[in-house]
Amino acid sequence: MRKLSYVVACSLDGFIGDEHGDASAMLRFLDEEFTGFLTAELPETLPTHGRKALGVDHLENKRFDTVVQGRASYEVALREGITSPYGHLREYVASRTLGASPDPNVEVIADDLTGRVRALKAEEGGLDIYLCGGSRLAGALLDEIDEIVVKTYPLVYGRGMPMFGTGLDLKEFTLDSVRTFANGALVRTYGRKR
């Protein structure tokens, strides 16, 4: 069974962006050490255009071969004219309103999101599935999430978009690892407690 891993950047107080989802304040922590970690450990979580800019677009997928993201996250790329932000992965966008996909590499999931994700997880072989966001999508798929990788930056938003944007039942995860960085960021990895 393939894992669904929610890899998410957030503030100290658990927000993935301001009220409008803008997370640009977190970009200042993408220094040489942190970017080195991302390219070594999670290279496929970097968008294709970011991989090219860093000169790491030649790297093979290490952990993931598929990405699922929400419409709002996908629209960040669309506003920049990028229709396939994760072209190095199989791309799925969960949206009831997007309509037809603007790119042949991107499949829109309009109905039965949970069923589609379960089918992806049940596929034989391959690597795991990267849940890119956003908040409402993570909330909708919480029961399917097997791992959470939280990139925490030393910022406090006070209010904003939470990591899980829906009413949820209590779920428990176990801490698998913690990595700290000189800039104050840290990466915590949690596995689903079953």
N, C-alpha and C. Protein backbone atom coordinates (compact mmCIF):
# COMPACT_ATOMS: atom_id res chain seq x y z
N MET A 1 0.85 -1.18 0.00
CA MET A 1 0.00 0.00 0.00
C MET A 1 0.89 1.24 0.00
N ARG A 2 0.63 2.13 -0.93
CA ARG A 2 1.39 3.38 -0.99
C ARG A 2 0.88 4.34 0.08
N LYS A 3 1.78 5.19 0.58
CA LYS A 3 1.41 6.16 1.62
C LYS A 3 0.99 7.48 1.00
N LEU A 4 0.05 8.14 1.67
CA LEU A 4 -0.29 9.53 1.36
C LEU A 4 0.40 10.38 2.41
N SER A 5 1.33 11.25 1.97
CA SER A 5 2.12 12.09 2.87
C SER A 5 1.78 13.55 2.65
N TYR A 6 1.29 14.18 3.70
CA TYR A 6 0.99 15.62 3.67
C TYR A 6 2.26 16.35 4.05
N VAL A 7 2.90 16.97 3.08
CA VAL A 7 4.12 17.75 3.30
C VAL A 7 3.69 19.21 3.27
N VAL A 8 3.85 19.90 4.40
CA VAL A 8 3.25 21.22 4.54
C VAL A 8 4.18 22.17 5.28
N ALA A 9 4.20 23.41 4.84
CA ALA A 9 4.94 24.47 5.52
C ALA A 9 3.96 25.23 6.41
N CYS A 10 4.40 25.56 7.62
CA CYS A 10 3.50 26.30 8.52
C CYS A 10 4.28 27.18 9.47
N SER A 11 3.55 28.07 10.11
CA SER A 11 4.10 28.95 11.13
C SER A 11 4.14 28.22 12.47
N LEU A 12 4.74 28.84 13.47
CA LEU A 12 4.77 28.26 14.81
C LEU A 12 3.37 28.01 15.36
N ASP A 13 2.43 28.86 14.96
CA ASP A 13 1.06 28.70 15.46
C ASP A 13 0.16 27.91 14.52
N GLY A 14 0.76 27.16 13.60
CA GLY A 14 0.03 26.18 12.81
C GLY A 14 -0.71 26.68 11.60
N PHE A 15 -0.35 27.87 11.09
CA PHE A 15 -1.00 28.39 9.89
C PHE A 15 -0.11 28.18 8.66
N ILE A 16 -0.74 27.80 7.54
CA ILE A 16 0.01 27.57 6.31
C ILE A 16 0.05 28.81 5.43
N GLY A 17 -0.53 29.87 5.91
CA GLY A 17 -0.54 31.15 5.21
C GLY A 17 -1.48 32.10 5.93
N ASP A 18 -1.56 33.31 5.42
CA ASP A 18 -2.49 34.26 6.02
C ASP A 18 -3.92 33.89 5.65
N GLU A 19 -4.87 34.74 5.96
CA GLU A 19 -6.29 34.42 5.71
C GLU A 19 -6.58 34.13 4.25
N HIS A 20 -5.75 34.65 3.35
CA HIS A 20 -5.94 34.45 1.92
C HIS A 20 -5.05 33.33 1.38
N GLY A 21 -4.30 32.67 2.27
CA GLY A 21 -3.43 31.58 1.86
C GLY A 21 -2.04 32.01 1.42
N ASP A 22 -1.74 33.30 1.53
CA ASP A 22 -0.41 33.79 1.13
C ASP A 22 0.63 33.33 2.15
N ALA A 23 1.59 32.55 1.70
CA ALA A 23 2.65 32.04 2.56
C ALA A 23 4.01 32.61 2.18
N SER A 24 4.02 33.70 1.44
CA SER A 24 5.29 34.24 0.94
C SER A 24 6.24 34.67 2.06
N ALA A 25 5.73 34.99 3.25
CA ALA A 25 6.60 35.37 4.36
C ALA A 25 7.53 34.23 4.75
N MET A 26 7.15 33.00 4.46
CA MET A 26 7.98 31.84 4.82
C MET A 26 9.16 31.65 3.87
N LEU A 27 9.11 32.26 2.70
CA LEU A 27 10.16 32.06 1.70
C LEU A 27 11.53 32.53 2.18
N ARG A 28 11.57 33.46 3.12
CA ARG A 28 12.86 33.97 3.60
C ARG A 28 13.70 32.90 4.29
N PHE A 29 13.08 31.78 4.68
CA PHE A 29 13.80 30.71 5.37
C PHE A 29 14.37 29.66 4.41
N LEU A 30 14.19 29.87 3.13
CA LEU A 30 14.74 28.94 2.14
C LEU A 30 16.20 29.31 1.85
N ASP A 31 17.03 29.22 2.90
CA ASP A 31 18.44 29.52 2.75
C ASP A 31 19.19 28.30 2.22
N GLU A 32 20.50 28.39 2.14
CA GLU A 32 21.30 27.32 1.55
C GLU A 32 21.16 26.00 2.30
N GLU A 33 21.18 26.05 3.63
CA GLU A 33 21.06 24.82 4.41
C GLU A 33 19.70 24.16 4.21
N PHE A 34 18.64 24.95 4.30
CA PHE A 34 17.29 24.39 4.19
C PHE A 34 17.01 23.90 2.77
N THR A 35 17.42 24.68 1.78
CA THR A 35 17.24 24.26 0.39
C THR A 35 18.04 23.00 0.09
N GLY A 36 19.22 22.88 0.68
CA GLY A 36 20.01 21.67 0.54
C GLY A 36 19.29 20.46 1.09
N PHE A 37 18.64 20.64 2.24
CA PHE A 37 17.85 19.55 2.81
C PHE A 37 16.71 19.16 1.87
N LEU A 38 15.98 20.15 1.37
CA LEU A 38 14.86 19.85 0.48
C LEU A 38 15.30 19.12 -0.78
N THR A 39 16.39 19.57 -1.38
CA THR A 39 16.84 18.93 -2.62
C THR A 39 17.39 17.53 -2.36
N ALA A 40 17.93 17.29 -1.15
CA ALA A 40 18.47 15.97 -0.83
C ALA A 40 17.38 14.99 -0.37
N GLU A 41 16.42 15.47 0.42
CA GLU A 41 15.46 14.59 1.06
C GLU A 41 14.06 14.61 0.43
N LEU A 42 13.65 15.74 -0.10
CA LEU A 42 12.29 15.87 -0.64
C LEU A 42 12.31 16.59 -1.99
N PRO A 43 13.16 16.15 -2.94
CA PRO A 43 13.31 16.93 -4.18
C PRO A 43 12.04 17.03 -5.01
N GLU A 44 11.19 16.01 -4.95
CA GLU A 44 9.99 16.04 -5.77
C GLU A 44 8.92 16.97 -5.22
N THR A 45 9.09 17.47 -3.99
CA THR A 45 8.12 18.42 -3.45
C THR A 45 8.39 19.85 -3.94
N LEU A 46 9.50 20.03 -4.62
CA LEU A 46 9.79 21.33 -5.23
C LEU A 46 9.11 21.36 -6.59
N PRO A 47 8.41 22.45 -6.90
CA PRO A 47 7.77 22.53 -8.22
C PRO A 47 8.82 22.46 -9.33
N THR A 48 8.40 22.00 -10.48
CA THR A 48 9.31 21.79 -11.61
C THR A 48 10.10 23.06 -11.93
N HIS A 49 9.43 24.21 -11.97
CA HIS A 49 10.15 25.45 -12.30
C HIS A 49 11.16 25.81 -11.20
N GLY A 50 10.86 25.47 -9.94
CA GLY A 50 11.80 25.71 -8.84
C GLY A 50 13.00 24.77 -8.93
N ARG A 51 12.75 23.52 -9.34
CA ARG A 51 13.84 22.57 -9.51
C ARG A 51 14.81 23.05 -10.60
N LYS A 52 14.24 23.58 -11.68
CA LYS A 52 15.09 24.10 -12.77
C LYS A 52 15.92 25.28 -12.29
N ALA A 53 15.29 26.20 -11.54
CA ALA A 53 16.00 27.38 -11.04
C ALA A 53 17.15 26.99 -10.10
N LEU A 54 16.96 25.92 -9.34
CA LEU A 54 18.00 25.45 -8.42
C LEU A 54 19.02 24.53 -9.09
N GLY A 55 18.76 24.19 -10.35
CA GLY A 55 19.67 23.29 -11.07
C GLY A 55 19.58 21.85 -10.61
N VAL A 56 18.42 21.45 -10.09
CA VAL A 56 18.25 20.08 -9.60
C VAL A 56 17.14 19.35 -10.35
N ASP A 57 16.77 19.84 -11.52
CA ASP A 57 15.68 19.21 -12.27
C ASP A 57 16.08 17.85 -12.82
N HIS A 58 17.35 17.49 -12.75
CA HIS A 58 17.82 16.17 -13.20
C HIS A 58 17.62 15.09 -12.13
N LEU A 59 17.34 15.49 -10.90
CA LEU A 59 17.22 14.51 -9.81
C LEU A 59 16.01 13.59 -10.04
N GLU A 60 16.24 12.32 -9.78
CA GLU A 60 15.14 11.36 -9.88
C GLU A 60 14.22 11.51 -8.67
N ASN A 61 12.97 11.11 -8.86
CA ASN A 61 12.03 11.12 -7.76
C ASN A 61 12.49 10.11 -6.72
N LYS A 62 12.55 10.55 -5.48
CA LYS A 62 13.09 9.74 -4.39
C LYS A 62 11.98 9.09 -3.56
N ARG A 63 10.95 9.87 -3.22
CA ARG A 63 9.89 9.39 -2.34
C ARG A 63 8.52 9.35 -3.00
N PHE A 64 8.28 10.25 -3.94
CA PHE A 64 6.94 10.40 -4.51
C PHE A 64 6.96 10.30 -6.03
N ASP A 65 5.88 9.75 -6.59
CA ASP A 65 5.70 9.77 -8.04
C ASP A 65 4.37 10.40 -8.43
N THR A 66 3.60 10.82 -7.42
CA THR A 66 2.26 11.36 -7.64
C THR A 66 2.04 12.53 -6.69
N VAL A 67 1.33 13.55 -7.15
CA VAL A 67 0.96 14.68 -6.30
C VAL A 67 -0.54 14.92 -6.40
N VAL A 68 -1.14 15.21 -5.26
CA VAL A 68 -2.55 15.62 -5.20
C VAL A 68 -2.56 16.99 -4.55
N GLN A 69 -3.20 17.94 -5.21
CA GLN A 69 -3.30 19.28 -4.63
C GLN A 69 -4.70 19.83 -4.84
N GLY A 70 -5.03 20.82 -4.05
CA GLY A 70 -6.33 21.46 -4.15
C GLY A 70 -6.35 22.53 -5.23
N ARG A 71 -7.54 22.97 -5.57
CA ARG A 71 -7.71 23.98 -6.61
C ARG A 71 -6.99 25.28 -6.26
N ALA A 72 -7.13 25.75 -5.01
CA ALA A 72 -6.51 27.02 -4.63
C ALA A 72 -4.98 26.95 -4.76
N SER A 73 -4.40 25.83 -4.35
CA SER A 73 -2.95 25.67 -4.49
C SER A 73 -2.56 25.65 -5.96
N TYR A 74 -3.33 24.95 -6.76
CA TYR A 74 -3.06 24.86 -8.19
C TYR A 74 -3.19 26.22 -8.86
N GLU A 75 -4.14 27.02 -8.43
CA GLU A 75 -4.34 28.33 -9.04
C GLU A 75 -3.18 29.29 -8.81
N VAL A 76 -2.38 29.06 -7.77
CA VAL A 76 -1.17 29.87 -7.56
C VAL A 76 -0.27 29.73 -8.78
N ALA A 77 -0.10 28.50 -9.26
CA ALA A 77 0.71 28.25 -10.46
C ALA A 77 0.03 28.80 -11.71
N LEU A 78 -1.28 28.58 -11.82
CA LEU A 78 -2.00 29.05 -13.01
C LEU A 78 -1.87 30.57 -13.18
N ARG A 79 -1.88 31.30 -12.07
CA ARG A 79 -1.73 32.77 -12.15
C ARG A 79 -0.38 33.16 -12.73
N GLU A 80 0.60 32.28 -12.61
CA GLU A 80 1.94 32.52 -13.16
C GLU A 80 2.09 31.94 -14.58
N GLY A 81 0.99 31.40 -15.11
CA GLY A 81 1.03 30.80 -16.44
C GLY A 81 1.58 29.39 -16.47
N ILE A 82 1.67 28.76 -15.30
CA ILE A 82 2.19 27.39 -15.20
C ILE A 82 1.02 26.44 -15.06
N THR A 83 0.81 25.59 -16.06
CA THR A 83 -0.33 24.68 -16.03
C THR A 83 0.03 23.30 -15.49
N SER A 84 1.33 23.00 -15.39
CA SER A 84 1.78 21.71 -14.85
C SER A 84 2.91 21.98 -13.85
N PRO A 85 2.56 22.43 -12.63
CA PRO A 85 3.60 22.83 -11.68
C PRO A 85 4.48 21.69 -11.18
N TYR A 86 3.99 20.47 -11.25
CA TYR A 86 4.76 19.31 -10.82
C TYR A 86 4.86 18.32 -11.98
N GLY A 87 5.39 18.79 -13.09
CA GLY A 87 5.48 17.99 -14.30
C GLY A 87 6.33 16.74 -14.15
N HIS A 88 7.14 16.68 -13.13
CA HIS A 88 7.99 15.50 -12.86
C HIS A 88 7.22 14.42 -12.09
N LEU A 89 5.94 14.67 -11.79
CA LEU A 89 5.07 13.73 -11.08
C LEU A 89 3.77 13.54 -11.85
N ARG A 90 3.00 12.50 -11.52
CA ARG A 90 1.62 12.42 -12.00
C ARG A 90 0.85 13.43 -11.16
N GLU A 91 0.12 14.30 -11.82
CA GLU A 91 -0.54 15.41 -11.13
C GLU A 91 -2.06 15.25 -11.10
N TYR A 92 -2.61 15.44 -9.90
CA TYR A 92 -4.06 15.43 -9.71
C TYR A 92 -4.44 16.70 -8.97
N VAL A 93 -5.52 17.33 -9.41
CA VAL A 93 -6.04 18.52 -8.75
C VAL A 93 -7.48 18.22 -8.33
N ALA A 94 -7.75 18.36 -7.05
CA ALA A 94 -9.10 18.14 -6.53
C ALA A 94 -9.89 19.44 -6.67
N SER A 95 -10.93 19.40 -7.50
CA SER A 95 -11.75 20.60 -7.71
C SER A 95 -13.09 20.23 -8.31
N ARG A 96 -14.13 20.79 -7.73
CA ARG A 96 -15.47 20.64 -8.31
C ARG A 96 -15.79 21.78 -9.27
N THR A 97 -14.95 22.82 -9.27
CA THR A 97 -15.26 24.02 -10.05
C THR A 97 -14.29 24.31 -11.18
N LEU A 98 -13.16 23.63 -11.23
CA LEU A 98 -12.15 23.93 -12.24
C LEU A 98 -12.60 23.57 -13.64
N GLY A 99 -13.37 22.51 -13.77
CA GLY A 99 -13.79 22.05 -15.10
C GLY A 99 -12.70 21.24 -15.76
N ALA A 100 -12.55 21.42 -17.05
CA ALA A 100 -11.55 20.66 -17.81
C ALA A 100 -10.14 21.09 -17.40
N SER A 101 -9.24 20.15 -17.41
CA SER A 101 -7.85 20.44 -17.08
C SER A 101 -7.21 21.29 -18.17
N PRO A 102 -6.44 22.31 -17.78
CA PRO A 102 -5.75 23.12 -18.78
C PRO A 102 -4.44 22.49 -19.28
N ASP A 103 -4.12 21.28 -18.78
CA ASP A 103 -2.86 20.64 -19.16
C ASP A 103 -3.07 19.13 -19.24
N PRO A 104 -2.53 18.47 -20.27
CA PRO A 104 -2.72 17.02 -20.40
C PRO A 104 -2.05 16.22 -19.28
N ASN A 105 -1.08 16.81 -18.57
CA ASN A 105 -0.40 16.12 -17.47
C ASN A 105 -1.18 16.21 -16.16
N VAL A 106 -2.23 17.01 -16.12
CA VAL A 106 -2.98 17.25 -14.89
C VAL A 106 -4.38 16.68 -15.01
N GLU A 107 -4.71 15.78 -14.10
CA GLU A 107 -6.06 15.21 -14.07
C GLU A 107 -6.86 15.88 -12.95
N VAL A 108 -8.05 16.34 -13.28
CA VAL A 108 -8.92 16.97 -12.29
C VAL A 108 -9.81 15.90 -11.67
N ILE A 109 -9.83 15.87 -10.34
CA ILE A 109 -10.72 14.97 -9.60
C ILE A 109 -11.90 15.81 -9.13
N ALA A 110 -13.04 15.63 -9.78
CA ALA A 110 -14.22 16.44 -9.45
C ALA A 110 -15.17 15.73 -8.49
N ASP A 111 -15.15 14.40 -8.49
CA ASP A 111 -16.06 13.62 -7.66
C ASP A 111 -15.31 12.50 -6.96
N ASP A 112 -15.84 12.07 -5.83
CA ASP A 112 -15.31 10.94 -5.06
C ASP A 112 -13.81 11.04 -4.85
N LEU A 113 -13.39 12.15 -4.26
CA LEU A 113 -11.98 12.38 -3.98
C LEU A 113 -11.39 11.26 -3.13
N THR A 114 -12.08 10.89 -2.06
CA THR A 114 -11.56 9.85 -1.18
C THR A 114 -11.39 8.54 -1.93
N GLY A 115 -12.37 8.17 -2.73
CA GLY A 115 -12.28 6.94 -3.52
C GLY A 115 -11.11 6.97 -4.47
N ARG A 116 -10.88 8.10 -5.11
CA ARG A 116 -9.76 8.22 -6.07
C ARG A 116 -8.42 8.11 -5.34
N VAL A 117 -8.30 8.75 -4.19
CA VAL A 117 -7.06 8.68 -3.43
C VAL A 117 -6.83 7.25 -2.92
N ARG A 118 -7.89 6.59 -2.49
CA ARG A 118 -7.74 5.20 -2.06
C ARG A 118 -7.27 4.31 -3.22
N ALA A 119 -7.77 4.57 -4.42
CA ALA A 119 -7.33 3.81 -5.59
C ALA A 119 -5.86 4.08 -5.89
N LEU A 120 -5.42 5.32 -5.76
CA LEU A 120 -4.01 5.66 -5.97
C LEU A 120 -3.13 4.95 -4.94
N LYS A 121 -3.59 4.95 -3.69
CA LYS A 121 -2.82 4.29 -2.62
C LYS A 121 -2.73 2.78 -2.85
N ALA A 122 -3.74 2.19 -3.45
CA ALA A 122 -3.79 0.75 -3.65
C ALA A 122 -3.00 0.28 -4.87
N GLU A 123 -2.52 1.20 -5.69
CA GLU A 123 -1.74 0.82 -6.87
C GLU A 123 -0.50 0.03 -6.46
N GLU A 124 -0.15 -0.93 -7.28
CA GLU A 124 1.04 -1.75 -7.03
C GLU A 124 2.30 -0.97 -7.41
N GLY A 125 3.34 -1.18 -6.63
CA GLY A 125 4.64 -0.59 -6.95
C GLY A 125 4.62 0.92 -6.90
N GLY A 126 5.64 1.49 -7.43
CA GLY A 126 5.73 2.94 -7.47
C GLY A 126 6.13 3.53 -6.14
N LEU A 127 6.22 4.82 -6.11
CA LEU A 127 6.58 5.56 -4.91
C LEU A 127 5.30 6.04 -4.24
N ASP A 128 5.44 6.84 -3.21
CA ASP A 128 4.29 7.31 -2.45
C ASP A 128 3.63 8.53 -3.09
N ILE A 129 2.60 9.05 -2.42
CA ILE A 129 1.78 10.14 -2.95
C ILE A 129 2.00 11.37 -2.07
N TYR A 130 2.31 12.47 -2.71
CA TYR A 130 2.56 13.75 -2.05
C TYR A 130 1.27 14.55 -2.03
N LEU A 131 0.76 14.83 -0.83
CA LEU A 131 -0.39 15.71 -0.67
C LEU A 131 0.16 17.11 -0.49
N CYS A 132 -0.04 17.94 -1.50
CA CYS A 132 0.57 19.27 -1.56
C CYS A 132 -0.25 20.32 -0.84
N GLY A 133 -1.50 20.12 -0.69
CA GLY A 133 -2.33 21.13 -0.02
C GLY A 133 -3.50 21.49 -0.89
N GLY A 134 -4.31 22.23 -0.35
CA GLY A 134 -4.23 23.08 0.81
C GLY A 134 -5.04 22.59 2.00
N SER A 135 -5.43 23.57 2.74
CA SER A 135 -6.04 23.37 4.04
C SER A 135 -7.32 22.53 3.98
N ARG A 136 -8.24 22.90 3.12
CA ARG A 136 -9.51 22.16 3.03
C ARG A 136 -9.30 20.76 2.48
N LEU A 137 -8.39 20.61 1.52
CA LEU A 137 -8.09 19.30 0.95
C LEU A 137 -7.50 18.39 2.02
N ALA A 138 -6.57 18.90 2.82
CA ALA A 138 -5.98 18.09 3.89
C ALA A 138 -7.05 17.68 4.89
N GLY A 139 -7.97 18.58 5.21
CA GLY A 139 -9.06 18.24 6.11
C GLY A 139 -9.95 17.16 5.53
N ALA A 140 -10.25 17.26 4.26
CA ALA A 140 -11.11 16.28 3.61
C ALA A 140 -10.46 14.90 3.53
N LEU A 141 -9.13 14.87 3.46
CA LEU A 141 -8.41 13.61 3.31
C LEU A 141 -7.72 13.14 4.59
N LEU A 142 -8.04 13.75 5.72
CA LEU A 142 -7.33 13.41 6.96
C LEU A 142 -7.33 11.91 7.25
N ASP A 143 -8.44 11.24 7.04
CA ASP A 143 -8.49 9.80 7.33
C ASP A 143 -7.59 8.99 6.41
N GLU A 144 -7.19 9.54 5.28
CA GLU A 144 -6.33 8.85 4.32
C GLU A 144 -4.85 9.18 4.50
N ILE A 145 -4.53 10.21 5.29
CA ILE A 145 -3.15 10.65 5.45
C ILE A 145 -2.40 9.67 6.35
N ASP A 146 -1.29 9.15 5.83
CA ASP A 146 -0.46 8.19 6.57
C ASP A 146 0.73 8.84 7.25
N GLU A 147 1.14 10.00 6.74
CA GLU A 147 2.34 10.67 7.25
C GLU A 147 2.14 12.17 7.08
N ILE A 148 2.64 12.92 8.06
CA ILE A 148 2.65 14.37 7.96
C ILE A 148 4.08 14.85 8.15
N VAL A 149 4.58 15.61 7.17
CA VAL A 149 5.90 16.23 7.25
C VAL A 149 5.65 17.72 7.39
N VAL A 150 5.95 18.25 8.58
CA VAL A 150 5.65 19.66 8.88
C VAL A 150 6.95 20.46 8.85
N LYS A 151 7.04 21.36 7.88
CA LYS A 151 8.18 22.29 7.81
C LYS A 151 7.73 23.54 8.58
N THR A 152 8.24 23.71 9.80
CA THR A 152 7.81 24.81 10.66
C THR A 152 8.82 25.94 10.61
N TYR A 153 8.33 27.12 10.32
CA TYR A 153 9.18 28.30 10.25
C TYR A 153 8.93 29.18 11.47
N PRO A 154 9.98 29.87 11.98
CA PRO A 154 9.84 30.64 13.21
C PRO A 154 9.11 31.97 13.01
N LEU A 155 7.84 31.84 12.65
CA LEU A 155 6.95 32.99 12.45
C LEU A 155 5.66 32.73 13.20
N VAL A 156 5.02 33.79 13.66
CA VAL A 156 3.69 33.68 14.24
C VAL A 156 2.76 34.56 13.42
N TYR A 157 1.75 33.95 12.83
CA TYR A 157 0.77 34.70 12.02
C TYR A 157 -0.32 35.30 12.89
N GLY A 158 -0.69 34.62 13.96
CA GLY A 158 -1.78 35.11 14.80
C GLY A 158 -3.14 34.66 14.31
N ARG A 159 -3.30 34.64 13.02
CA ARG A 159 -4.51 34.12 12.38
C ARG A 159 -4.17 33.83 10.93
N GLY A 160 -4.99 33.00 10.32
CA GLY A 160 -4.71 32.65 8.94
C GLY A 160 -5.36 31.35 8.55
N MET A 161 -4.76 30.68 7.58
CA MET A 161 -5.28 29.42 7.06
C MET A 161 -4.65 28.27 7.85
N PRO A 162 -5.47 27.48 8.55
CA PRO A 162 -4.92 26.38 9.35
C PRO A 162 -4.44 25.23 8.49
N MET A 163 -3.64 24.35 9.09
CA MET A 163 -3.14 23.18 8.36
C MET A 163 -4.28 22.28 7.89
N PHE A 164 -5.32 22.16 8.68
CA PHE A 164 -6.48 21.35 8.35
C PHE A 164 -7.71 22.24 8.45
N GLY A 165 -8.34 22.52 7.32
CA GLY A 165 -9.38 23.53 7.27
C GLY A 165 -10.81 23.04 7.33
N THR A 166 -11.10 22.02 8.11
CA THR A 166 -12.48 21.59 8.28
C THR A 166 -12.64 21.08 9.70
N GLY A 167 -13.88 20.92 10.13
CA GLY A 167 -14.13 20.32 11.43
C GLY A 167 -13.66 18.88 11.42
N LEU A 168 -12.88 18.50 12.41
CA LEU A 168 -12.24 17.19 12.39
C LEU A 168 -12.48 16.42 13.68
N ASP A 169 -12.47 15.11 13.54
CA ASP A 169 -12.41 14.25 14.72
C ASP A 169 -10.95 14.14 15.13
N LEU A 170 -10.72 13.88 16.39
CA LEU A 170 -9.36 13.75 16.91
C LEU A 170 -8.64 12.58 16.25
N LYS A 171 -7.44 12.82 15.75
CA LYS A 171 -6.59 11.78 15.14
C LYS A 171 -5.23 11.87 15.81
N GLU A 172 -4.58 10.73 15.98
CA GLU A 172 -3.28 10.72 16.65
C GLU A 172 -2.20 10.22 15.70
N PHE A 173 -1.07 10.91 15.74
CA PHE A 173 0.11 10.56 14.98
C PHE A 173 1.28 10.43 15.95
N THR A 174 2.30 9.68 15.56
CA THR A 174 3.49 9.53 16.39
C THR A 174 4.66 10.26 15.73
N LEU A 175 5.49 10.86 16.56
CA LEU A 175 6.66 11.58 16.06
C LEU A 175 7.73 10.59 15.63
N ASP A 176 8.14 10.68 14.37
CA ASP A 176 9.17 9.79 13.84
C ASP A 176 10.55 10.44 13.83
N SER A 177 10.60 11.75 13.51
CA SER A 177 11.90 12.42 13.45
C SER A 177 11.72 13.93 13.54
N VAL A 178 12.81 14.59 13.94
CA VAL A 178 12.87 16.05 13.99
C VAL A 178 14.23 16.47 13.44
N ARG A 179 14.21 17.43 12.56
CA ARG A 179 15.46 17.99 12.01
C ARG A 179 15.42 19.50 12.25
N THR A 180 16.47 20.05 12.87
CA THR A 180 16.53 21.49 13.14
C THR A 180 17.52 22.15 12.19
N PHE A 181 17.32 23.45 11.98
CA PHE A 181 18.15 24.23 11.07
C PHE A 181 18.62 25.50 11.77
N ALA A 182 19.76 26.01 11.35
CA ALA A 182 20.36 27.19 11.98
C ALA A 182 19.46 28.42 11.88
N ASN A 183 18.60 28.49 10.86
CA ASN A 183 17.74 29.66 10.68
C ASN A 183 16.49 29.62 11.57
N GLY A 184 16.36 28.59 12.42
CA GLY A 184 15.22 28.48 13.32
C GLY A 184 14.11 27.59 12.80
N ALA A 185 14.20 27.16 11.55
CA ALA A 185 13.19 26.26 11.00
C ALA A 185 13.42 24.86 11.53
N LEU A 186 12.38 24.04 11.49
CA LEU A 186 12.53 22.64 11.81
C LEU A 186 11.56 21.82 10.98
N VAL A 187 11.90 20.57 10.78
CA VAL A 187 11.06 19.65 10.02
C VAL A 187 10.75 18.47 10.92
N ARG A 188 9.46 18.28 11.18
CA ARG A 188 9.00 17.15 12.00
C ARG A 188 8.23 16.19 11.11
N THR A 189 8.50 14.91 11.29
CA THR A 189 7.81 13.87 10.54
C THR A 189 7.01 13.02 11.50
N TYR A 190 5.73 12.86 11.20
CA TYR A 190 4.81 12.08 12.04
C TYR A 190 4.18 10.96 11.21
N GLY A 191 4.03 9.80 11.82
CA GLY A 191 3.35 8.70 11.19
C GLY A 191 1.99 8.49 11.84
N ARG A 192 1.04 8.02 11.06
CA ARG A 192 -0.32 7.74 11.58
C ARG A 192 -0.25 6.67 12.64
N LYS A 193 -0.86 6.91 13.79
CA LYS A 193 -0.97 5.90 14.83
C LYS A 193 -2.20 5.08 14.55
N ARG A 194 -2.04 3.83 14.26
CA ARG A 194 -3.17 2.97 13.89
C ARG A 194 -3.42 1.95 14.95
